[in-house]
Amino acid sequence: MKDFKDKVTVITGGASGIGLALAERFAKEGAKVVISDLNEKAVNTKATEIGAVAIVANVGKEEDIKLLVESTLAQFGRIDLFVSNAGIAYPAGIDIAAEKWKQIYDVNVLSHVNAAKYALPAMLERGEGYFLNTASAAGLLVEFNAAPYTVTKHAAVGFAEWLSLNYKHRGIDVSVLCPAAVKTPMIAGSASLMKYAMDVEQVVEKVIRALAEKRFMISTHEYVDKLFTLKGHDYEEYILVMDGYRKETEALDKTHLSVHTL
């Protein structure tokens, strides 16, 4: 997707972070932007600022995503690009309560599934459409301090791959965004994350270029690319190298409470 002029673009988690930065850029490019977020005040305020449409939704609920898609189609008649961006994280290991596993699965995985479930039919009828699903570098590697986040982001990458392989021949393009640390307030207290963090504007530029090329994988950090390549080439060596990163993370943070949402 090279030209965003008049393209109807839906972005979940659009009131802050990467979602908002993408919304601002798409709006500047002339897109018709719909931003959705759980935070009603924030989404209404940001939508007004950038000239977008605001729809409050909890992407962890299938009925909310259904309503988001239906409302957008009712107003604009189509969805050209659906950015399934919202996600959550917990600082937890295997001891986390079962209901927390369900909540993070609903948001980080099923939100992508339900976005496709409800947005695909109209796209297929037109013979074109684009999904940009935000996962995380944790979906390629590991977030040491967050088992549920790592597991669900791996699943998010897997679903994006499945979606692409099953619908690309029918005119549906899919990209998966796998950012490592991005400079937002939520990682300000983490030395290990700030060490590799990049500005959100840099992430947006990488996304814009990838969409223009219709590239599936959008990775933001070179060290992630190298580790992911190593993982495919020599899994045992990858585990050894990642264990070194784990020790470095512990030394920098002095705590296991540095979990973040990418």
Protein backbone atom coordinates (compact mmCIF):
# COMPACT_ATOMS: atom_id res chain seq x y z
CA MET A 1 0.00 0.00 0.00
CA LYS A 2 1.80 3.07 -1.25
CA ASP A 3 -0.99 5.65 -1.37
CA PHE A 4 -3.06 6.29 1.74
CA LYS A 5 -5.21 9.03 0.22
CA ASP A 6 -8.86 8.31 1.09
CA LYS A 7 -7.98 4.79 2.30
CA VAL A 8 -10.25 3.71 5.15
CA THR A 9 -7.94 2.66 7.96
CA VAL A 10 -9.00 1.18 11.30
CA ILE A 11 -6.48 1.12 14.17
CA THR A 12 -7.08 -0.59 17.51
CA GLY A 13 -5.12 0.63 20.50
CA GLY A 14 -5.08 3.91 18.61
CA ALA A 15 -5.14 6.38 21.49
CA SER A 16 -1.47 6.03 22.44
CA GLY A 17 1.92 4.62 21.51
CA ILE A 18 2.53 3.03 18.14
CA GLY A 19 -1.17 2.97 17.33
CA LEU A 20 -1.55 6.71 17.75
CA ALA A 21 1.67 7.44 15.87
CA LEU A 22 0.42 5.37 12.94
CA ALA A 23 -2.97 7.07 13.08
CA GLU A 24 -1.34 10.50 12.96
CA ARG A 25 0.79 9.52 9.97
CA PHE A 26 -2.07 7.95 8.04
CA ALA A 27 -4.24 11.01 8.70
CA LYS A 28 -1.48 13.29 7.38
CA GLU A 29 -1.30 11.10 4.27
CA GLY A 30 -4.99 11.73 3.66
CA ALA A 31 -6.46 8.47 4.95
CA LYS A 32 -9.90 8.22 6.51
CA VAL A 33 -8.85 7.04 9.95
CA VAL A 34 -10.90 5.25 12.59
CA ILE A 35 -9.14 4.85 15.93
CA SER A 36 -10.41 2.49 18.56
CA ASP A 37 -9.37 2.18 22.17
CA LEU A 38 -10.65 1.04 25.54
CA ASN A 39 -9.93 4.48 27.03
CA GLU A 40 -12.98 6.51 26.00
CA LYS A 41 -11.64 9.93 27.01
CA ALA A 42 -8.27 9.40 25.36
CA VAL A 43 -9.62 8.01 22.10
CA ASN A 44 -12.14 10.82 21.72
CA THR A 45 -9.52 13.46 22.47
CA LYS A 46 -6.93 12.05 20.08
CA ALA A 47 -9.46 11.48 17.33
CA THR A 48 -10.51 15.12 17.51
CA GLU A 49 -6.88 16.26 17.39
CA ILE A 50 -6.02 14.34 14.23
CA GLY A 51 -9.38 14.45 12.46
CA ALA A 52 -10.22 10.80 12.93
CA VAL A 53 -13.34 8.91 13.94
CA ALA A 54 -13.31 7.47 17.48
CA ILE A 55 -14.94 4.18 18.44
CA VAL A 56 -14.59 2.86 21.97
CA ALA A 57 -13.94 -0.87 22.03
CA ASN A 58 -12.45 -3.60 24.17
CA VAL A 59 -10.70 -5.83 21.65
CA GLY A 60 -10.74 -8.65 24.18
CA LYS A 61 -14.47 -8.95 23.46
CA GLU A 62 -15.57 -10.39 20.13
CA GLU A 63 -18.77 -8.36 20.11
CA ASP A 64 -16.80 -5.11 20.39
CA ILE A 65 -14.68 -5.95 17.35
CA LYS A 66 -17.80 -6.95 15.43
CA LEU A 67 -19.37 -3.59 16.26
CA LEU A 68 -16.14 -1.75 15.33
CA VAL A 69 -16.12 -3.35 11.88
CA GLU A 70 -19.84 -2.92 11.32
CA SER A 71 -19.76 0.73 12.38
CA THR A 72 -16.85 1.48 10.06
CA LEU A 73 -18.51 -0.27 7.12
CA ALA A 74 -21.76 1.56 7.80
CA GLN A 75 -20.00 4.93 7.74
CA PHE A 76 -17.43 4.42 4.99
CA GLY A 77 -18.61 1.39 3.03
CA ARG A 78 -15.28 -0.45 3.20
CA ILE A 79 -12.09 -1.08 5.17
CA ASP A 80 -8.87 -0.83 3.19
CA LEU A 81 -6.43 -1.37 6.05
CA PHE A 82 -7.16 -2.91 9.44
CA VAL A 83 -4.38 -2.30 11.95
CA SER A 84 -4.92 -4.80 14.77
CA ASN A 85 -2.55 -3.12 17.19
CA ALA A 86 -3.93 -3.31 20.73
CA GLY A 87 -2.13 -5.57 23.20
CA ILE A 88 -1.44 -6.06 26.89
CA ALA A 89 1.36 -7.52 29.03
CA TYR A 90 1.85 -8.88 32.54
CA PRO A 91 5.06 -9.26 34.59
CA ALA A 92 4.50 -12.93 35.29
CA GLY A 93 5.79 -16.43 34.89
CA ILE A 94 4.07 -19.80 35.19
CA ASP A 95 2.43 -18.85 38.49
CA ILE A 96 0.02 -16.38 36.90
CA ALA A 97 -3.68 -17.01 37.51
CA ALA A 98 -5.66 -18.82 34.82
CA GLU A 99 -7.98 -15.85 34.29
CA LYS A 100 -4.98 -13.67 33.45
CA TRP A 101 -3.87 -16.18 30.83
CA LYS A 102 -7.35 -16.02 29.31
CA GLN A 103 -7.43 -12.23 29.35
CA ILE A 104 -4.08 -11.79 27.64
CA TYR A 105 -4.95 -14.53 25.11
CA ASP A 106 -8.23 -12.80 24.29
CA VAL A 107 -6.49 -9.47 23.68
CA ASN A 108 -3.17 -10.53 22.14
CA VAL A 109 -4.41 -13.40 19.98
CA LEU A 110 -8.17 -13.55 19.55
CA SER A 111 -8.39 -9.84 18.78
CA HIS A 112 -6.46 -10.54 15.55
CA VAL A 113 -8.61 -13.58 14.81
CA ASN A 114 -11.85 -11.66 15.33
CA ALA A 115 -10.65 -8.67 13.32
CA ALA A 116 -10.12 -11.01 10.39
CA LYS A 117 -13.36 -12.85 11.04
CA TYR A 118 -15.45 -9.71 10.68
CA ALA A 119 -13.39 -7.56 8.29
CA LEU A 120 -12.48 -10.28 5.78
CA PRO A 121 -15.89 -10.90 4.18
CA ALA A 122 -16.23 -7.35 2.82
CA MET A 123 -12.58 -7.33 1.74
CA LEU A 124 -12.99 -10.63 -0.10
CA GLU A 125 -16.10 -9.35 -1.82
CA ARG A 126 -14.07 -6.42 -3.14
CA GLY A 127 -11.06 -8.60 -3.87
CA GLU A 128 -8.66 -6.48 -1.85
CA GLY A 129 -7.75 -5.52 1.70
CA TYR A 130 -4.82 -5.30 4.08
CA PHE A 131 -4.23 -6.45 7.66
CA LEU A 132 -1.36 -5.05 9.73
CA ASN A 133 -1.17 -7.06 12.95
CA THR A 134 1.06 -5.85 15.76
CA ALA A 135 2.83 -8.67 17.55
CA SER A 136 6.24 -8.08 19.16
CA ALA A 137 9.87 -9.06 19.02
CA ALA A 138 8.77 -11.33 21.87
CA GLY A 139 6.83 -13.24 19.23
CA LEU A 140 10.12 -14.05 17.50
CA LEU A 141 12.39 -14.37 20.54
CA VAL A 142 11.51 -14.22 24.27
CA GLU A 143 10.46 -11.58 26.80
CA PHE A 144 12.26 -13.02 29.83
CA ASN A 145 9.96 -11.55 32.45
CA ALA A 146 6.63 -12.34 30.81
CA ALA A 147 5.64 -15.89 29.93
CA PRO A 148 2.04 -15.01 28.90
CA TYR A 149 3.25 -12.13 26.74
CA THR A 150 5.86 -14.29 24.99
CA VAL A 151 3.43 -17.14 24.37
CA THR A 152 0.60 -14.98 23.03
CA LYS A 153 2.89 -12.93 20.81
CA HIS A 154 4.27 -16.13 19.28
CA ALA A 155 0.65 -17.11 18.60
CA ALA A 156 -0.04 -13.70 17.06
CA VAL A 157 2.84 -14.15 14.61
CA GLY A 158 1.60 -17.64 13.78
CA PHE A 159 -1.92 -16.41 13.03
CA ALA A 160 -0.64 -13.60 10.82
CA GLU A 161 1.38 -16.13 8.83
CA TRP A 162 -1.65 -18.40 8.49
CA LEU A 163 -3.81 -15.49 7.39
CA SER A 164 -1.31 -14.41 4.75
CA LEU A 165 -0.81 -17.86 3.28
CA ASN A 166 -4.52 -18.58 3.05
CA TYR A 167 -5.74 -15.26 1.64
CA LYS A 168 -2.91 -13.60 -0.28
CA HIS A 169 -4.00 -15.30 -3.50
CA ARG A 170 -7.45 -13.76 -2.96
CA GLY A 171 -6.18 -10.19 -2.83
CA ILE A 172 -5.64 -9.88 0.92
CA ASP A 173 -2.25 -8.60 2.06
CA VAL A 174 -0.92 -9.19 5.57
CA SER A 175 1.98 -7.69 7.50
CA VAL A 176 3.04 -8.47 11.06
CA LEU A 177 4.82 -5.80 13.09
CA CYS A 178 7.33 -7.20 15.59
CA PRO A 179 8.91 -4.23 17.39
CA ALA A 180 11.44 -4.51 20.15
CA ALA A 181 11.67 -1.67 22.69
CA VAL A 182 10.16 1.65 21.67
CA LYS A 183 10.65 4.90 23.59
CA THR A 184 7.37 5.37 25.40
CA PRO A 185 6.69 6.29 29.05
CA MET A 186 5.96 2.67 29.96
CA ILE A 187 9.60 1.57 29.50
CA ALA A 188 11.23 4.65 31.02
CA GLY A 189 12.12 2.78 34.22
CA SER A 190 13.79 -0.16 32.48
CA ALA A 191 17.50 0.20 31.76
CA SER A 192 17.61 -2.98 29.68
CA LEU A 193 14.76 -1.87 27.43
CA MET A 194 15.98 1.70 27.07
CA LYS A 195 19.38 0.40 25.97
CA TYR A 196 17.90 -0.79 22.67
CA ALA A 197 14.85 1.49 22.42
CA MET A 198 14.07 3.52 19.31
CA ASP A 199 11.74 6.48 18.76
CA VAL A 200 8.17 5.70 17.78
CA GLU A 201 8.61 7.83 14.66
CA GLN A 202 11.32 5.43 13.49
CA VAL A 203 8.92 2.53 13.87
CA VAL A 204 6.29 4.37 11.83
CA GLU A 205 8.77 4.97 9.00
CA LYS A 206 9.64 1.28 8.93
CA VAL A 207 5.94 0.40 8.77
CA ILE A 208 5.26 2.84 5.94
CA ARG A 209 8.11 1.40 3.88
CA ALA A 210 7.02 -2.18 4.56
CA LEU A 211 3.41 -1.50 3.60
CA ALA A 212 4.56 0.05 0.34
CA GLU A 213 6.47 -3.17 -0.39
CA LYS A 214 3.67 -5.37 0.97
CA ARG A 215 6.29 -7.04 3.14
CA PHE A 216 5.05 -9.64 5.61
CA MET A 217 7.62 -9.30 8.39
CA ILE A 218 8.25 -5.86 9.86
CA SER A 219 11.08 -6.12 12.37
CA THR A 220 12.41 -2.92 13.90
CA HIS A 221 15.76 -3.84 15.42
CA GLU A 222 18.78 -5.36 13.69
CA TYR A 223 19.79 -7.42 16.73
CA VAL A 224 16.37 -9.10 16.67
CA ASP A 225 16.83 -10.00 13.00
CA LYS A 226 20.21 -11.56 13.73
CA LEU A 227 18.90 -13.56 16.68
CA PHE A 228 15.87 -14.76 14.71
CA THR A 229 18.17 -15.88 11.89
CA LEU A 230 20.35 -17.70 14.41
CA LYS A 231 17.25 -19.34 15.87
CA GLY A 232 16.39 -20.84 12.49
CA HIS A 233 19.97 -21.85 11.72
CA ASP A 234 21.19 -23.18 15.08
CA TYR A 235 18.58 -23.40 17.84
CA GLU A 236 21.06 -24.65 20.45
CA GLU A 237 23.41 -21.71 19.87
CA TYR A 238 20.42 -19.37 19.96
CA ILE A 239 19.45 -20.65 23.41
CA LEU A 240 22.99 -20.07 24.68
CA VAL A 241 23.10 -16.54 23.27
CA MET A 242 19.67 -15.69 24.67
CA ASP A 243 20.75 -16.91 28.08
CA GLY A 244 23.51 -14.31 27.90
CA TYR A 245 20.91 -11.66 27.12
CA ARG A 246 18.86 -12.85 30.10
CA LYS A 247 21.83 -12.36 32.42
CA GLU A 248 22.47 -8.92 30.94
CA THR A 249 18.84 -7.95 31.47
CA GLU A 250 18.93 -9.04 35.10
CA ALA A 251 22.12 -7.13 35.71
CA LEU A 252 20.75 -3.92 34.16
CA ASP A 253 17.36 -3.96 35.81
CA LYS A 254 18.12 -5.62 39.15
CA THR A 255 14.51 -6.81 39.07
CA HIS A 256 12.07 -8.92 37.09
CA LEU A 257 9.47 -6.16 36.94
CA SER A 258 10.53 -4.58 33.65
CA VAL A 259 7.75 -6.03 31.55
CA HIS A 260 6.34 -3.71 28.91
CA THR A 261 3.80 -3.57 26.14
CA LEU A 262 5.31 -3.11 22.69
